[in-house]
Amino acid sequence: MLPYYDRDKIAAVLDTDALIDAMEQALVAFSTGKVIQPVRMRVIDEEAGGDLCLMPAVTDILAVKLVGNYPRNHERGIDSHNAVVIVFDRWTGLPRAVLDGTYITQMRTSAVSAMAARRLASPDAKVLAILGSGAQAHGHFETMRRVRAFEEIRVWSRNADHARAFAEKTGARLCDSSEAAVRGADVIATTTSAREPIVKGEWLKPGAHVSAVGWNGLDGRELDDTVMKSLIVVESRDAANQESGNILMSGARIHAELGEVLAGRAVADPSSTTVFISVGIATEDAYAADLVLRALERS
């Protein structure tokens, strides 16, 4: 039978620092044309209020992620995003394994943000603000601390009870508004499904870095127009221009892909106010799945 690895098995072998490094390798490979990644296919089910994305990529392996996004799941007490990653041998097409894609998505997304902050945030960043209190917020709490020595971590969420629970679990400082969390912060991670801006440019300190990973669709956004006048870096120009509400609703100009910056093909000054817009790409999932599967097969 084809082996299936659940969240617990993956978490037991996942090296977070290695994952952050793998995401750097993934984006450099993507932006330098060393991977095969078709545009993701999205099946929208308006009656159910959700969609299913098929995300294939060819790296050293062939991986396909199937991920469902059903926001109404929160009303049912279950996660809105659920996924599997199917890994195939690149050279024969034979299936090798099925992995819990929900956990891989959570961790690779926060690892990409941390890697972006490692390159784009001020080296002496001391204050981290996390907006949101769900799985991505927890993931960012874990990964961001690995790239900067934060002295203060703040949290705010539209769900006050969830924010309070997050603060109690992590020791983060609970803020009563997004403005209170953002003002004076060096790094801001937005991890919500907000449809209207929760970060205004007038709140940002000069040289702040924002990592925006919330999924808001084509007509929703976390960042206002003033924020989007900052230096904008993305994973993929094509994906961001087609899928990011932050980009589409502001008409923002993309400065570069992060992989171009990492490869030395574009310049991004860490003293600038920078925004990393992440919509997630299949190459990241493939690199994460490859890292995890190799660790699982060694254990």
Foldseek 3Di string as FASTA:
>chain_A
DAAEAEPVLLVVQDDLVVLLVLLLVLLLCVVVVNKDWDDWDKADDVVQQKIWIWTWMGHQWTKIKIKIARVCCVVVVDDRIWIKMWIARHPPRHTHHIYGVVNLVLQLLLSPVLSCCLVQFDQAFAEEEEEAQDSNSVNVLVRNCVRHVHPAYEYEYPPQVSQVVSCVVRVHHYDPALLVRAAPGQEYEYAEQAQEARDELVRHDFLHEYEYAHQPWQRGAHYDLNLLQWAEEESDPVCCCVTPNVCNVNVHDHQYYVSCCSVVNHPHDSRGYYYYYYHDHSSSSVSSVVVSVVSSVVD
